[in-house]
Protein backbone atom coordinates (compact mmCIF):
# COMPACT_ATOMS: atom_id res chain seq x y z
CA MET A 1 -40.80 7.56 86.66
CA THR A 2 -41.39 3.83 86.93
CA PHE A 3 -44.37 2.10 85.37
CA PRO A 4 -45.98 -1.21 86.42
CA ARG A 5 -45.02 -4.41 84.63
CA GLN A 6 -48.57 -5.20 83.46
CA PRO A 7 -52.20 -4.39 84.35
CA SER A 8 -53.29 -5.51 87.81
CA ASN A 9 -56.34 -7.27 86.32
CA LEU A 10 -55.51 -9.16 83.16
CA VAL A 11 -58.09 -9.94 80.51
CA ILE A 12 -56.84 -13.03 78.70
CA THR A 13 -58.16 -13.87 75.25
CA PRO A 14 -56.99 -17.42 74.51
CA SER A 15 -57.07 -16.92 70.74
CA ASN A 16 -55.18 -13.61 70.82
CA GLN A 17 -52.65 -13.49 73.65
CA SER A 18 -50.22 -10.62 74.00
CA PRO A 19 -46.50 -11.40 73.91
CA TRP A 20 -46.02 -8.49 76.31
CA VAL A 21 -47.65 -10.24 79.29
CA GLY A 22 -45.90 -12.82 81.43
CA TRP A 23 -45.84 -14.27 84.92
CA LEU A 24 -43.05 -14.08 87.46
CA ASN A 25 -41.92 -16.98 89.66
CA ALA A 26 -41.76 -14.65 92.66
CA PRO A 27 -42.46 -10.95 93.26
CA GLY A 28 -39.39 -8.88 92.46
CA ASP A 29 -38.02 -11.26 89.83
CA ARG A 30 -36.50 -9.51 86.85
CA PHE A 31 -37.67 -11.99 84.20
CA THR A 32 -40.85 -13.99 83.66
CA ARG A 33 -41.00 -17.79 83.71
CA ALA A 34 -41.32 -17.86 79.92
CA GLN A 35 -38.36 -15.50 79.45
CA LEU A 36 -36.20 -17.70 81.69
CA GLY A 37 -37.23 -20.77 79.68
CA ALA A 38 -36.40 -19.06 76.38
CA MET A 39 -33.08 -17.86 77.78
CA LYS A 40 -32.21 -21.40 78.86
CA ALA A 41 -33.16 -22.75 75.41
CA ASN A 42 -30.83 -20.17 73.83
CA ASN A 43 -27.96 -20.85 76.29
CA ILE A 44 -28.24 -17.40 77.87
CA ASP A 45 -27.37 -17.07 81.55
CA PRO A 46 -29.88 -14.62 83.12
CA ASN A 47 -27.36 -13.64 85.80
CA THR A 48 -24.53 -12.69 83.45
CA HIS A 49 -26.25 -11.64 80.21
CA ALA A 50 -24.92 -8.13 79.63
CA PHE A 51 -27.43 -6.75 77.13
CA ILE A 52 -30.84 -6.14 78.71
CA ILE A 53 -33.21 -3.33 77.73
CA THR A 54 -36.21 -1.83 79.50
CA VAL A 55 -39.14 -2.07 77.10
CA PHE A 56 -42.17 0.25 77.29
CA ARG A 57 -45.63 -0.33 75.90
CA GLU A 58 -49.03 1.32 76.12
CA ALA A 59 -52.10 -0.53 77.32
CA THR A 60 -54.60 -1.59 74.69
CA MET A 61 -58.33 -0.99 74.83
CA ARG A 62 -58.73 -4.78 74.75
CA GLU A 63 -57.03 -5.18 78.13
CA MET A 64 -58.30 -2.16 80.07
CA TRP A 65 -60.32 1.07 79.97
CA TRP A 66 -59.24 4.66 80.57
CA PRO A 67 -61.16 7.95 80.09
CA ARG A 68 -61.32 9.30 76.56
CA GLY A 69 -58.70 12.01 76.01
CA ASP A 70 -56.42 10.67 78.77
CA ALA A 71 -53.08 9.11 78.00
CA PRO A 72 -53.11 5.31 77.85
CA PRO A 73 -51.40 3.65 80.81
CA VAL A 74 -47.78 2.63 80.15
CA PHE A 75 -46.11 -0.59 81.27
CA GLN A 76 -42.41 -1.41 81.43
CA PHE A 77 -40.41 -4.61 81.82
CA ASP A 78 -36.91 -5.90 81.24
CA CYS A 79 -36.13 -7.95 78.15
CA PRO A 80 -32.87 -9.71 77.26
CA VAL A 81 -31.59 -8.59 73.86
CA MET A 82 -30.84 -11.38 71.37
CA SER A 83 -29.42 -9.14 68.63
CA VAL A 84 -29.60 -5.72 67.01
CA THR A 85 -31.10 -5.35 63.53
CA SER A 86 -29.37 -3.42 60.76
CA ASP A 87 -31.68 -0.43 61.36
CA GLY A 88 -30.89 -0.29 65.11
CA ARG A 89 -33.98 -2.03 66.48
CA TYR A 90 -33.62 -4.75 69.12
CA ARG A 91 -34.61 -8.42 68.85
CA VAL A 92 -35.67 -9.28 72.42
CA ILE A 93 -37.23 -12.10 74.40
CA ALA A 94 -40.69 -10.76 75.32
CA PRO A 95 -42.35 -11.62 78.65
CA SER A 96 -44.26 -14.45 76.91
CA GLY A 97 -40.97 -16.03 75.81
CA ASP A 98 -41.50 -15.06 72.15
CA VAL A 99 -38.74 -13.28 70.25
CA LYS A 100 -40.00 -9.85 69.17
CA ILE A 101 -38.51 -6.71 67.67
CA VAL A 102 -38.78 -3.38 69.52
CA LEU A 103 -37.83 0.12 68.43
CA ALA A 104 -34.36 1.51 69.09
CA ASN A 105 -35.83 3.76 71.82
CA GLY A 106 -37.14 0.75 73.77
CA TRP A 107 -40.83 1.13 72.87
CA VAL A 108 -42.86 -1.73 71.41
CA LYS A 109 -44.33 0.82 68.98
CA MET A 110 -44.39 4.60 68.94
CA PRO A 111 -46.55 5.90 71.80
CA SER A 112 -49.75 7.81 71.17
CA ARG A 113 -49.68 11.61 71.17
CA PRO A 114 -50.55 12.03 74.89
CA ASN A 115 -47.53 9.87 75.80
CA ARG A 116 -45.00 11.33 73.35
CA HIS A 117 -43.35 13.30 76.15
CA LEU A 118 -42.15 9.95 77.53
CA LEU A 119 -39.89 9.49 74.48
CA ASP A 120 -37.31 11.59 76.30
CA ARG A 121 -36.81 8.65 78.67
CA LYS A 122 -33.78 6.62 77.66
CA PRO A 123 -33.98 2.79 77.75
CA LEU A 124 -31.52 1.01 80.03
């Protein structure tokens, strides 16, 4: 199962932007503009960097609505890995270009109960 990269209609709050949203240069690009800029600043070649993980996150109520009791929508995107922490989590370049830490299973944080069945999916 493949999930979209981000909601089709974004609600941007200037004072509280999500690091998990970013814009592509062209449809089909693997990385966002901000990720490419951060990779360049860290001397990472996007074409040859070997350690990339698919990161999953659930939508927040701030960015979209879904019926009560339904599972929150899930989004996925590729992030270059900067390093691995001592407890096995990954330090990645998020779509906003920020460096963030994600869980060892590729999720930004543990999914809610209705989406726990997705934990069986292995990150790339």
